[in-house]
Amino acid sequence: MKNKTEKRIRLKAKIRSKIKGTKERPRLSVFRSNKFIYAQVIDDTIGKTLAQASDIKMAKGKKSTKTERAKEVGKMIGQACLKAKIDKVVFDRNGFKYTGRIKLVADEARAGGLKF
């Protein structure tokens, strides 16, 4: 019996074998921990992060729920991508289920102008 983290890492490897970020369509990777949520846009051909957003500073500044902070991260990553002239991305959920905070980040990034 494998634990939850090992299952997620195995599923992540399976997803990453199919998803590649290119210059035209970089990869939007979302990572969720128990406290924070992180999003970054990566060009896998050169191995470089093009844009990033997280809720670490937001969590220390004011009281808000994790879902509210996930929405803010989605808006921030959408704005950062538009600044970097990126409008199309490939979404990488990083082995997490597409629900809850992961879905909120994706929805807000779409609302911010990203297409995936």
PDB file of N, CA and C in Angstrom:
ATOM      1  N   MET A   1       0.839  -1.193   0.000  1.00  0.00           N
ATOM      2  CA  MET A   1       0.000   0.000   0.000  1.00  0.00           C
ATOM      3  C   MET A   1       0.873   1.241   0.000  1.00  0.00           C
ATOM      4  N   LYS A   2       0.653   2.115  -0.947  1.00  0.00           N
ATOM      5  CA  LYS A   2       1.408   3.352  -1.029  1.00  0.00           C
ATOM      6  C   LYS A   2       0.652   4.465  -0.306  1.00  0.00           C
ATOM      7  N   ASN A   3       1.420   5.418   0.211  1.00  0.00           N
ATOM      8  CA  ASN A   3       0.738   6.521   0.855  1.00  0.00           C
ATOM      9  C   ASN A   3       0.307   7.554  -0.185  1.00  0.00           C
ATOM     10  N   LYS A   4      -0.387   8.581   0.269  1.00  0.00           N
ATOM     11  CA  LYS A   4      -0.996   9.559  -0.615  1.00  0.00           C
ATOM     12  C   LYS A   4       0.036  10.329  -1.443  1.00  0.00           C
ATOM     13  N   THR A   5       1.141  10.694  -0.824  1.00  0.00           N
ATOM     14  CA  THR A   5       2.167  11.458  -1.531  1.00  0.00           C
ATOM     15  C   THR A   5       2.820  10.629  -2.628  1.00  0.00           C
ATOM     16  N   GLU A   6       3.104   9.366  -2.350  1.00  0.00           N
ATOM     17  CA  GLU A   6       3.709   8.499  -3.365  1.00  0.00           C
ATOM     18  C   GLU A   6       2.769   8.311  -4.556  1.00  0.00           C
ATOM     19  N   LYS A   7       1.489   8.202  -4.299  1.00  0.00           N
ATOM     20  CA  LYS A   7       0.513   8.067  -5.379  1.00  0.00           C
ATOM     21  C   LYS A   7       0.488   9.333  -6.230  1.00  0.00           C
ATOM     22  N   ARG A   8       0.539  10.496  -5.577  1.00  0.00           N
ATOM     23  CA  ARG A   8       0.519  11.763  -6.311  1.00  0.00           C
ATOM     24  C   ARG A   8       1.769  11.913  -7.175  1.00  0.00           C
ATOM     25  N   ILE A   9       2.917  11.522  -6.647  1.00  0.00           N
ATOM     26  CA  ILE A   9       4.163  11.631  -7.396  1.00  0.00           C
ATOM     27  C   ILE A   9       4.161  10.687  -8.602  1.00  0.00           C
ATOM     28  N   ARG A  10       3.609   9.491  -8.442  1.00  0.00           N
ATOM     29  CA  ARG A  10       3.507   8.552  -9.561  1.00  0.00           C
ATOM     30  C   ARG A  10       2.576   9.104 -10.632  1.00  0.00           C
ATOM     31  N   LEU A  11       1.451   9.676 -10.216  1.00  0.00           N
ATOM     32  CA  LEU A  11       0.508  10.269 -11.155  1.00  0.00           C
ATOM     33  C   LEU A  11       1.121  11.498 -11.827  1.00  0.00           C
ATOM     34  N   LYS A  12       1.901  12.274 -11.086  1.00  0.00           N
ATOM     35  CA  LYS A  12       2.585  13.447 -11.646  1.00  0.00           C
ATOM     36  C   LYS A  12       3.529  13.030 -12.769  1.00  0.00           C
ATOM     37  N   ALA A  13       4.281  11.955 -12.554  1.00  0.00           N
ATOM     38  CA  ALA A  13       5.207  11.475 -13.581  1.00  0.00           C
ATOM     39  C   ALA A  13       4.458  11.041 -14.836  1.00  0.00           C
ATOM     40  N   LYS A  14       3.312  10.426 -14.662  1.00  0.00           N
ATOM     41  CA  LYS A  14       2.502   9.990 -15.796  1.00  0.00           C
ATOM     42  C   LYS A  14       1.986  11.196 -16.588  1.00  0.00           C
ATOM     43  N   ILE A  15       1.551  12.228 -15.874  1.00  0.00           N
ATOM     44  CA  ILE A  15       1.046  13.434 -16.519  1.00  0.00           C
ATOM     45  C   ILE A  15       2.183  14.147 -17.253  1.00  0.00           C
ATOM     46  N   ARG A  16       3.346  14.266 -16.612  1.00  0.00           N
ATOM     47  CA  ARG A  16       4.478  14.992 -17.188  1.00  0.00           C
ATOM     48  C   ARG A  16       5.070  14.296 -18.404  1.00  0.00           C
ATOM     49  N   SER A  17       4.834  12.981 -18.532  1.00  0.00           N
ATOM     50  CA  SER A  17       5.320  12.296 -19.726  1.00  0.00           C
ATOM     51  C   SER A  17       4.523  12.706 -20.958  1.00  0.00           C
ATOM     52  N   LYS A  18       3.315  13.233 -20.749  1.00  0.00           N
ATOM     53  CA  LYS A  18       2.453  13.628 -21.857  1.00  0.00           C
ATOM     54  C   LYS A  18       2.443  15.136 -22.093  1.00  0.00           C
ATOM     55  N   ILE A  19       2.751  15.921 -21.066  1.00  0.00           N
ATOM     56  CA  ILE A  19       2.664  17.380 -21.158  1.00  0.00           C
ATOM     57  C   ILE A  19       4.059  17.974 -21.255  1.00  0.00           C
ATOM     58  N   LYS A  20       4.276  18.790 -22.269  1.00  0.00           N
ATOM     59  CA  LYS A  20       5.540  19.504 -22.441  1.00  0.00           C
ATOM     60  C   LYS A  20       5.231  20.972 -22.694  1.00  0.00           C
ATOM     61  N   GLY A  21       5.988  21.851 -22.063  1.00  0.00           N
ATOM     62  CA  GLY A  21       5.834  23.273 -22.294  1.00  0.00           C
ATOM     63  C   GLY A  21       6.799  23.738 -23.368  1.00  0.00           C
ATOM     64  N   THR A  22       6.304  24.479 -24.330  1.00  0.00           N
ATOM     65  CA  THR A  22       7.143  25.009 -25.401  1.00  0.00           C
ATOM     66  C   THR A  22       7.167  26.528 -25.319  1.00  0.00           C
ATOM     67  N   LYS A  23       7.893  27.151 -26.218  1.00  0.00           N
ATOM     68  CA  LYS A  23       7.956  28.607 -26.238  1.00  0.00           C
ATOM     69  C   LYS A  23       6.591  29.195 -26.592  1.00  0.00           C
ATOM     70  N   GLU A  24       5.872  28.554 -27.515  1.00  0.00           N
ATOM     71  CA  GLU A  24       4.561  29.038 -27.926  1.00  0.00           C
ATOM     72  C   GLU A  24       3.492  28.755 -26.867  1.00  0.00           C
ATOM     73  N   ARG A  25       3.576  27.571 -26.238  1.00  0.00           N
ATOM     74  CA  ARG A  25       2.612  27.187 -25.194  1.00  0.00           C
ATOM     75  C   ARG A  25       3.368  26.656 -23.988  1.00  0.00           C
ATOM     76  N   PRO A  26       3.785  27.538 -23.074  1.00  0.00           N
ATOM     77  CA  PRO A  26       4.483  27.065 -21.885  1.00  0.00           C
ATOM     78  C   PRO A  26       3.543  26.320 -20.941  1.00  0.00           C
ATOM     79  N   ARG A  27       4.118  25.656 -19.972  1.00  0.00           N
ATOM     80  CA  ARG A  27       3.365  24.828 -19.029  1.00  0.00           C
ATOM     81  C   ARG A  27       3.044  25.635 -17.776  1.00  0.00           C
ATOM     82  N   LEU A  28       1.774  25.683 -17.398  1.00  0.00           N
ATOM     83  CA  LEU A  28       1.331  26.314 -16.153  1.00  0.00           C
ATOM     84  C   LEU A  28       1.239  25.230 -15.093  1.00  0.00           C
ATOM     85  N   SER A  29       2.199  25.211 -14.191  1.00  0.00           N
ATOM     86  CA  SER A  29       2.274  24.194 -13.157  1.00  0.00           C
ATOM     87  C   SER A  29       1.747  24.753 -11.842  1.00  0.00           C
ATOM     88  N   VAL A  30       0.852  24.016 -11.194  1.00  0.00           N
ATOM     89  CA  VAL A  30       0.264  24.441  -9.924  1.00  0.00           C
ATOM     90  C   VAL A  30       0.633  23.428  -8.851  1.00  0.00           C
ATOM     91  N   PHE A  31       1.143  23.925  -7.728  1.00  0.00           N
ATOM     92  CA  PHE A  31       1.474  23.064  -6.589  1.00  0.00           C
ATOM     93  C   PHE A  31       0.697  23.543  -5.378  1.00  0.00           C
ATOM     94  N   ARG A  32       0.111  22.607  -4.654  1.00  0.00           N
ATOM     95  CA  ARG A  32      -0.702  22.922  -3.490  1.00  0.00           C
ATOM     96  C   ARG A  32      -0.102  22.231  -2.272  1.00  0.00           C
ATOM     97  N   SER A  33       0.224  23.021  -1.257  1.00  0.00           N
ATOM     98  CA  SER A  33       0.641  22.437   0.009  1.00  0.00           C
ATOM     99  C   SER A  33      -0.498  22.629   1.000  1.00  0.00           C
ATOM    100  N   ASN A  34      -0.299  22.201   2.222  1.00  0.00           N
ATOM    101  CA  ASN A  34      -1.353  22.370   3.217  1.00  0.00           C
ATOM    102  C   ASN A  34      -1.597  23.832   3.557  1.00  0.00           C
ATOM    103  N   LYS A  35      -0.558  24.660   3.472  1.00  0.00           N
ATOM    104  CA  LYS A  35      -0.690  26.069   3.833  1.00  0.00           C
ATOM    105  C   LYS A  35      -0.810  26.997   2.631  1.00  0.00           C
ATOM    106  N   PHE A  36      -0.038  26.743   1.578  1.00  0.00           N
ATOM    107  CA  PHE A  36       0.082  27.692   0.484  1.00  0.00           C
ATOM    108  C   PHE A  36      -0.238  27.047  -0.859  1.00  0.00           C
ATOM    109  N   ILE A  37      -0.323  27.898  -1.888  1.00  0.00           N
ATOM    110  CA  ILE A  37      -0.491  27.428  -3.255  1.00  0.00           C
ATOM    111  C   ILE A  37       0.452  28.234  -4.147  1.00  0.00           C
ATOM    112  N   TYR A  38       1.076  27.554  -5.089  1.00  0.00           N
ATOM    113  CA  TYR A  38       2.072  28.158  -5.967  1.00  0.00           C
ATOM    114  C   TYR A  38       1.694  27.867  -7.410  1.00  0.00           C
ATOM    115  N   ALA A  39       1.988  28.822  -8.297  1.00  0.00           N
ATOM    116  CA  ALA A  39       1.773  28.625  -9.729  1.00  0.00           C
ATOM    117  C   ALA A  39       2.962  29.214 -10.465  1.00  0.00           C
ATOM    118  N   GLN A  40       3.438  28.500 -11.471  1.00  0.00           N
ATOM    119  CA  GLN A  40       4.511  29.032 -12.298  1.00  0.00           C
ATOM    120  C   GLN A  40       4.342  28.577 -13.734  1.00  0.00           C
ATOM    121  N   VAL A  41       4.785  29.440 -14.646  1.00  0.00           N
ATOM    122  CA  VAL A  41       4.723  29.166 -16.075  1.00  0.00           C
ATOM    123  C   VAL A  41       6.140  28.843 -16.531  1.00  0.00           C
ATOM    124  N   ILE A  42       6.315  27.652 -17.128  1.00  0.00           N
ATOM    125  CA  ILE A  42       7.638  27.121 -17.419  1.00  0.00           C
ATOM    126  C   ILE A  42       7.764  26.794 -18.903  1.00  0.00           C
ATOM    127  N   ASP A  43       8.891  27.188 -19.494  1.00  0.00           N
ATOM    128  CA  ASP A  43       9.254  26.772 -20.847  1.00  0.00           C
ATOM    129  C   ASP A  43      10.195  25.585 -20.690  1.00  0.00           C
ATOM    130  N   ASP A  44       9.719  24.385 -20.983  1.00  0.00           N
ATOM    131  CA  ASP A  44      10.501  23.164 -20.764  1.00  0.00           C
ATOM    132  C   ASP A  44      11.629  22.983 -21.775  1.00  0.00           C
ATOM    133  N   THR A  45      11.554  23.653 -22.913  1.00  0.00           N
ATOM    134  CA  THR A  45      12.620  23.480 -23.897  1.00  0.00           C
ATOM    135  C   THR A  45      13.939  24.069 -23.412  1.00  0.00           C
ATOM    136  N   ILE A  46      13.866  25.173 -22.669  1.00  0.00           N
ATOM    137  CA  ILE A  46      15.084  25.772 -22.120  1.00  0.00           C
ATOM    138  C   ILE A  46      15.163  25.615 -20.610  1.00  0.00           C
ATOM    139  N   GLY A  47      14.088  25.095 -19.989  1.00  0.00           N
ATOM    140  CA  GLY A  47      14.091  24.866 -18.552  1.00  0.00           C
ATOM    141  C   GLY A  47      14.059  26.146 -17.740  1.00  0.00           C
ATOM    142  N   LYS A  48      13.248  27.113 -18.161  1.00  0.00           N
ATOM    143  CA  LYS A  48      13.221  28.414 -17.515  1.00  0.00           C
ATOM    144  C   LYS A  48      11.812  28.761 -17.068  1.00  0.00           C
ATOM    145  N   THR A  49      11.703  29.354 -15.871  1.00  0.00           N
ATOM    146  CA  THR A  49      10.430  29.845 -15.374  1.00  0.00           C
ATOM    147  C   THR A  49      10.192  31.235 -15.945  1.00  0.00           C
ATOM    148  N   LEU A  50       9.046  31.410 -16.613  1.00  0.00           N
ATOM    149  CA  LEU A  50       8.737  32.676 -17.269  1.00  0.00           C
ATOM    150  C   LEU A  50       7.903  33.599 -16.384  1.00  0.00           C
ATOM    151  N   ALA A  51       7.058  33.039 -15.531  1.00  0.00           N
ATOM    152  CA  ALA A  51       6.229  33.826 -14.615  1.00  0.00           C
ATOM    153  C   ALA A  51       5.885  32.953 -13.419  1.00  0.00           C
ATOM    154  N   GLN A  52       5.671  33.597 -12.276  1.00  0.00           N
ATOM    155  CA  GLN A  52       5.321  32.830 -11.077  1.00  0.00           C
ATOM    156  C   GLN A  52       4.434  33.659 -10.169  1.00  0.00           C
ATOM    157  N   ALA A  53       3.675  32.968  -9.316  1.00  0.00           N
ATOM    158  CA  ALA A  53       2.829  33.621  -8.318  1.00  0.00           C
ATOM    159  C   ALA A  53       2.625  32.654  -7.160  1.00  0.00           C
ATOM    160  N   SER A  54       2.528  33.196  -5.960  1.00  0.00           N
ATOM    161  CA  SER A  54       2.224  32.374  -4.790  1.00  0.00           C
ATOM    162  C   SER A  54       1.487  33.226  -3.766  1.00  0.00           C
ATOM    163  N   ASP A  55       0.954  32.579  -2.760  1.00  0.00           N
ATOM    164  CA  ASP A  55       0.188  33.292  -1.747  1.00  0.00           C
ATOM    165  C   ASP A  55       0.924  33.412  -0.415  1.00  0.00           C
ATOM    166  N   ILE A  56       2.228  33.252  -0.414  1.00  0.00           N
ATOM    167  CA  ILE A  56       2.989  33.297   0.829  1.00  0.00           C
ATOM    168  C   ILE A  56       2.888  34.681   1.482  1.00  0.00           C
ATOM    169  N   LYS A  57       3.083  35.734   0.706  1.00  0.00           N
ATOM    170  CA  LYS A  57       3.012  37.087   1.259  1.00  0.00           C
ATOM    171  C   LYS A  57       1.589  37.471   1.626  1.00  0.00           C
ATOM    172  N   MET A  58       0.610  36.978   0.872  1.00  0.00           N
ATOM    173  CA  MET A  58      -0.790  37.281   1.175  1.00  0.00           C
ATOM    174  C   MET A  58      -1.219  36.658   2.490  1.00  0.00           C
ATOM    175  N   ALA A  59      -0.713  35.461   2.790  1.00  0.00           N
ATOM    176  CA  ALA A  59      -1.112  34.754   4.001  1.00  0.00           C
ATOM    177  C   ALA A  59      -0.638  35.490   5.252  1.00  0.00           C
ATOM    178  N   LYS A  60       0.488  36.170   5.153  1.00  0.00           N
ATOM    179  CA  LYS A  60       1.034  36.869   6.309  1.00  0.00           C
ATOM    180  C   LYS A  60       0.447  38.261   6.469  1.00  0.00           C
ATOM    181  N   GLY A  61      -0.094  38.818   5.409  1.00  0.00           N
ATOM    182  CA  GLY A  61      -0.579  40.188   5.450  1.00  0.00           C
ATOM    183  C   GLY A  61      -1.951  40.342   6.086  1.00  0.00           C
ATOM    184  N   LYS A  62      -2.910  39.558   5.649  1.00  0.00           N
ATOM    185  CA  LYS A  62      -4.278  39.704   6.139  1.00  0.00           C
ATOM    186  C   LYS A  62      -4.913  38.335   6.313  1.00  0.00           C
ATOM    187  N   LYS A  63      -5.984  38.306   7.044  1.00  0.00           N
ATOM    188  CA  LYS A  63      -6.705  37.059   7.266  1.00  0.00           C
ATOM    189  C   LYS A  63      -7.598  36.767   6.065  1.00  0.00           C
ATOM    190  N   SER A  64      -7.419  35.611   5.467  1.00  0.00           N
ATOM    191  CA  SER A  64      -8.263  35.169   4.363  1.00  0.00           C
ATOM    192  C   SER A  64      -8.211  33.646   4.311  1.00  0.00           C
ATOM    193  N   THR A  65      -9.199  33.075   3.639  1.00  0.00           N
ATOM    194  CA  THR A  65      -9.241  31.626   3.530  1.00  0.00           C
ATOM    195  C   THR A  65      -8.303  31.168   2.419  1.00  0.00           C
ATOM    196  N   LYS A  66      -8.006  29.884   2.410  1.00  0.00           N
ATOM    197  CA  LYS A  66      -7.123  29.329   1.385  1.00  0.00           C
ATOM    198  C   LYS A  66      -7.764  29.422   0.003  1.00  0.00           C
ATOM    199  N   THR A  67      -9.092  29.307  -0.080  1.00  0.00           N
ATOM    200  CA  THR A  67      -9.746  29.402  -1.378  1.00  0.00           C
ATOM    201  C   THR A  67      -9.684  30.825  -1.919  1.00  0.00           C
ATOM    202  N   GLU A  68      -9.815  31.825  -1.051  1.00  0.00           N
ATOM    203  CA  GLU A  68      -9.691  33.216  -1.495  1.00  0.00           C
ATOM    204  C   GLU A  68      -8.277  33.489  -1.989  1.00  0.00           C
ATOM    205  N   ARG A  69      -7.296  32.954  -1.291  1.00  0.00           N
ATOM    206  CA  ARG A  69      -5.909  33.143  -1.704  1.00  0.00           C
ATOM    207  C   ARG A  69      -5.625  32.422  -3.020  1.00  0.00           C
ATOM    208  N   ALA A  70      -6.261  31.268  -3.254  1.00  0.00           N
ATOM    209  CA  ALA A  70      -6.086  30.539  -4.517  1.00  0.00           C
ATOM    210  C   ALA A  70      -6.642  31.358  -5.680  1.00  0.00           C
ATOM    211  N   LYS A  71      -7.767  32.029  -5.472  1.00  0.00           N
ATOM    212  CA  LYS A  71      -8.318  32.899  -6.513  1.00  0.00           C
ATOM    213  C   LYS A  71      -7.350  34.033  -6.826  1.00  0.00           C
ATOM    214  N   GLU A  72      -6.759  34.615  -5.795  1.00  0.00           N
ATOM    215  CA  GLU A  72      -5.802  35.707  -5.999  1.00  0.00           C
ATOM    216  C   GLU A  72      -4.567  35.228  -6.769  1.00  0.00           C
ATOM    217  N   VAL A  73      -4.095  34.020  -6.465  1.00  0.00           N
ATOM    218  CA  VAL A  73      -2.940  33.470  -7.181  1.00  0.00           C
ATOM    219  C   VAL A  73      -3.290  33.275  -8.648  1.00  0.00           C
ATOM    220  N   GLY A  74      -4.494  32.816  -8.937  1.00  0.00           N
ATOM    221  CA  GLY A  74      -4.932  32.671 -10.322  1.00  0.00           C
ATOM    222  C   GLY A  74      -4.947  34.001 -11.059  1.00  0.00           C
ATOM    223  N   LYS A  75      -5.441  35.056 -10.396  1.00  0.00           N
ATOM    224  CA  LYS A  75      -5.443  36.386 -11.007  1.00  0.00           C
ATOM    225  C   LYS A  75      -4.020  36.881 -11.224  1.00  0.00           C
ATOM    226  N   MET A  76      -3.157  36.670 -10.227  1.00  0.00           N
ATOM    227  CA  MET A  76      -1.775  37.141 -10.317  1.00  0.00           C
ATOM    228  C   MET A  76      -1.015  36.439 -11.442  1.00  0.00           C
ATOM    229  N   ILE A  77      -1.209  35.135 -11.585  1.00  0.00           N
ATOM    230  CA  ILE A  77      -0.486  34.410 -12.637  1.00  0.00           C
ATOM    231  C   ILE A  77      -1.018  34.818 -14.019  1.00  0.00           C
ATOM    232  N   GLY A  78      -2.308  35.100 -14.115  1.00  0.00           N
ATOM    233  CA  GLY A  78      -2.863  35.587 -15.369  1.00  0.00           C
ATOM    234  C   GLY A  78      -2.274  36.930 -15.763  1.00  0.00           C
ATOM    235  N   GLN A  79      -2.155  37.835 -14.797  1.00  0.00           N
ATOM    236  CA  GLN A  79      -1.574  39.159 -15.059  1.00  0.00           C
ATOM    237  C   GLN A  79      -0.094  39.046 -15.406  1.00  0.00           C
ATOM    238  N   ALA A  80       0.628  38.187 -14.687  1.00  0.00           N
ATOM    239  CA  ALA A  80       2.060  38.013 -14.948  1.00  0.00           C
ATOM    240  C   ALA A  80       2.292  37.445 -16.346  1.00  0.00           C
ATOM    241  N   CYS A  81       1.420  36.554 -16.785  1.00  0.00           N
ATOM    242  CA  CYS A  81       1.556  35.981 -18.129  1.00  0.00           C
ATOM    243  C   CYS A  81       1.272  37.024 -19.202  1.00  0.00           C
ATOM    244  N   LEU A  82       0.280  37.865 -18.970  1.00  0.00           N
ATOM    245  CA  LEU A  82      -0.014  38.901 -19.947  1.00  0.00           C
ATOM    246  C   LEU A  82       1.126  39.907 -20.045  1.00  0.00           C
ATOM    247  N   LYS A  83       1.785  40.199 -18.927  1.00  0.00           N
ATOM    248  CA  LYS A  83       2.954  41.082 -18.950  1.00  0.00           C
ATOM    249  C   LYS A  83       4.083  40.458 -19.766  1.00  0.00           C
ATOM    250  N   ALA A  84       4.229  39.143 -19.650  1.00  0.00           N
ATOM    251  CA  ALA A  84       5.277  38.429 -20.391  1.00  0.00           C
ATOM    252  C   ALA A  84       4.841  38.056 -21.809  1.00  0.00           C
ATOM    253  N   LYS A  85       3.678  38.559 -22.234  1.00  0.00           N
ATOM    254  CA  LYS A  85       3.131  38.320 -23.573  1.00  0.00           C
ATOM    255  C   LYS A  85       2.880  36.842 -23.841  1.00  0.00           C
ATOM    256  N   ILE A  86       2.320  36.171 -22.837  1.00  0.00           N
ATOM    257  CA  ILE A  86       1.939  34.758 -22.949  1.00  0.00           C
ATOM    258  C   ILE A  86       0.418  34.702 -22.862  1.00  0.00           C
ATOM    259  N   ASP A  87      -0.225  34.120 -23.872  1.00  0.00           N
ATOM    260  CA  ASP A  87      -1.684  34.025 -23.821  1.00  0.00           C
ATOM    261  C   ASP A  87      -2.193  32.588 -23.862  1.00  0.00           C
ATOM    262  N   LYS A  88      -1.362  31.648 -24.310  1.00  0.00           N
ATOM    263  CA  LYS A  88      -1.757  30.240 -24.355  1.00  0.00           C
ATOM    264  C   LYS A  88      -0.789  29.425 -23.515  1.00  0.00           C
ATOM    265  N   VAL A  89      -1.342  28.544 -22.673  1.00  0.00           N
ATOM    266  CA  VAL A  89      -0.523  27.676 -21.828  1.00  0.00           C
ATOM    267  C   VAL A  89      -1.100  26.269 -21.829  1.00  0.00           C
ATOM    268  N   VAL A  90      -0.300  25.334 -21.345  1.00  0.00           N
ATOM    269  CA  VAL A  90      -0.739  23.960 -21.108  1.00  0.00           C
ATOM    270  C   VAL A  90      -0.842  23.806 -19.599  1.00  0.00           C
ATOM    271  N   PHE A  91      -1.979  23.343 -19.101  1.00  0.00           N
ATOM    272  CA  PHE A  91      -2.196  23.266 -17.656  1.00  0.00           C
ATOM    273  C   PHE A  91      -1.652  21.952 -17.101  1.00  0.00           C
ATOM    274  N   ASP A  92      -0.833  22.061 -16.061  1.00  0.00           N
ATOM    275  CA  ASP A  92      -0.255  20.906 -15.374  1.00  0.00           C
ATOM    276  C   ASP A  92      -0.750  20.933 -13.934  1.00  0.00           C
ATOM    277  N   ARG A  93      -1.622  20.008 -13.594  1.00  0.00           N
ATOM    278  CA  ARG A  93      -2.183  19.987 -12.245  1.00  0.00           C
ATOM    279  C   ARG A  93      -1.275  19.289 -11.244  1.00  0.00           C
ATOM    280  N   ASN A  94      -0.151  18.762 -11.721  1.00  0.00           N
ATOM    281  CA  ASN A  94       0.914  18.272 -10.852  1.00  0.00           C
ATOM    282  C   ASN A  94       0.496  17.067 -10.000  1.00  0.00           C
ATOM    283  N   GLY A  95      -0.421  16.255 -10.507  1.00  0.00           N
ATOM    284  CA  GLY A  95      -0.838  15.055  -9.794  1.00  0.00           C
ATOM    285  C   GLY A  95      -1.995  15.266  -8.842  1.00  0.00           C
ATOM    286  N   PHE A  96      -2.429  16.507  -8.660  1.00  0.00           N
ATOM    287  CA  PHE A  96      -3.561  16.798  -7.781  1.00  0.00           C
ATOM    288  C   PHE A  96      -4.858  16.650  -8.566  1.00  0.00           C
ATOM    289  N   LYS A  97      -5.947  16.370  -7.871  1.00  0.00           N
ATOM    290  CA  LYS A  97      -7.243  16.296  -8.516  1.00  0.00           C
ATOM    291  C   LYS A  97      -7.668  17.681  -8.963  1.00  0.00           C
ATOM    292  N   TYR A  98      -8.360  17.749 -10.096  1.00  0.00           N
ATOM    293  CA  TYR A  98      -8.814  19.033 -10.629  1.00  0.00           C
ATOM    294  C   TYR A  98     -10.104  19.431  -9.919  1.00  0.00           C
ATOM    295  N   THR A  99      -9.953  19.868  -8.691  1.00  0.00           N
ATOM    296  CA  THR A  99     -11.078  20.312  -7.879  1.00  0.00           C
ATOM    297  C   THR A  99     -10.554  21.259  -6.809  1.00  0.00           C
ATOM    298  N   GLY A 100     -11.426  21.969  -6.187  1.00  0.00           N
ATOM    299  CA  GLY A 100     -11.032  22.831  -5.075  1.00  0.00           C
ATOM    300  C   GLY A 100     -10.111  23.965  -5.490  1.00  0.00           C
ATOM    301  N   ARG A 101      -8.996  24.104  -4.757  1.00  0.00           N
ATOM    302  CA  ARG A 101      -8.078  25.214  -4.985  1.00  0.00           C
ATOM    303  C   ARG A 101      -7.387  25.139  -6.343  1.00  0.00           C
ATOM    304  N   ILE A 102      -7.128  23.930  -6.843  1.00  0.00           N
ATOM    305  CA  ILE A 102      -6.497  23.780  -8.159  1.00  0.00           C
ATOM    306  C   ILE A 102      -7.436  24.326  -9.238  1.00  0.00           C
ATOM    307  N   LYS A 103      -8.698  23.987  -9.142  1.00  0.00           N
ATOM    308  CA  LYS A 103      -9.689  24.452 -10.113  1.00  0.00           C
ATOM    309  C   LYS A 103      -9.873  25.962 -10.019  1.00  0.00           C
ATOM    310  N   LEU A 104      -9.840  26.513  -8.813  1.00  0.00           N
ATOM    311  CA  LEU A 104      -9.992  27.957  -8.654  1.00  0.00           C
ATOM    312  C   LEU A 104      -8.843  28.715  -9.316  1.00  0.00           C
ATOM    313  N   VAL A 105      -7.630  28.222  -9.162  1.00  0.00           N
ATOM    314  CA  VAL A 105      -6.479  28.863  -9.812  1.00  0.00           C
ATOM    315  C   VAL A 105      -6.661  28.836 -11.330  1.00  0.00           C
ATOM    316  N   ALA A 106      -7.075  27.697 -11.863  1.00  0.00           N
ATOM    317  CA  ALA A 106      -7.259  27.568 -13.308  1.00  0.00           C
ATOM    318  C   ALA A 106      -8.373  28.488 -13.809  1.00  0.00           C
ATOM    319  N   ASP A 107      -9.485  28.539 -13.102  1.00  0.00           N
ATOM    320  CA  ASP A 107     -10.606  29.377 -13.520  1.00  0.00           C
ATOM    321  C   ASP A 107     -10.238  30.856 -13.510  1.00  0.00           C
ATOM    322  N   GLU A 108      -9.547  31.294 -12.469  1.00  0.00           N
ATOM    323  CA  GLU A 108      -9.159  32.707 -12.381  1.00  0.00           C
ATOM    324  C   GLU A 108      -8.091  33.057 -13.415  1.00  0.00           C
ATOM    325  N   ALA A 109      -7.209  32.114 -13.729  1.00  0.00           N
ATOM    326  CA  ALA A 109      -6.213  32.357 -14.776  1.00  0.00           C
ATOM    327  C   ALA A 109      -6.908  32.497 -16.132  1.00  0.00           C
ATOM    328  N   ARG A 110      -7.935  31.679 -16.375  1.00  0.00           N
ATOM    329  CA  ARG A 110      -8.716  31.803 -17.605  1.00  0.00           C
ATOM    330  C   ARG A 110      -9.424  33.145 -17.653  1.00  0.00           C
ATOM    331  N   ALA A 111      -9.996  33.557 -16.522  1.00  0.00           N
ATOM    332  CA  ALA A 111     -10.680  34.846 -16.455  1.00  0.00           C
ATOM    333  C   ALA A 111      -9.693  35.997 -16.669  1.00  0.00           C
ATOM    334  N   GLY A 112      -8.439  35.787 -16.296  1.00  0.00           N
ATOM    335  CA  GLY A 112      -7.418  36.795 -16.484  1.00  0.00           C
ATOM    336  C   GLY A 112      -6.892  36.894 -17.905  1.00  0.00           C
ATOM    337  N   GLY A 113      -7.317  35.992 -18.788  1.00  0.00           N
ATOM    338  CA  GLY A 113      -6.951  36.104 -20.188  1.00  0.00           C
ATOM    339  C   GLY A 113      -6.143  34.947 -20.741  1.00  0.00           C
ATOM    340  N   LEU A 114      -5.816  33.955 -19.927  1.00  0.00           N
ATOM    341  CA  LEU A 114      -5.062  32.796 -20.429  1.00  0.00           C
ATOM    342  C   LEU A 114      -6.007  31.818 -21.116  1.00  0.00           C
ATOM    343  N   LYS A 115      -5.473  31.134 -22.117  1.00  0.00           N
ATOM    344  CA  LYS A 115      -6.236  30.102 -22.826  1.00  0.00           C
ATOM    345  C   LYS A 115      -5.522  28.776 -22.657  1.00  0.00           C
ATOM    346  N   PHE A 116      -6.265  27.758 -22.196  1.00  0.00           N
ATOM    347  CA  PHE A 116      -5.719  26.399 -22.123  1.00  0.00           C
ATOM    348  C   PHE A 116      -6.821  25.389 -22.161  1.00  0.00           C
TER     349      PHE A 116
END
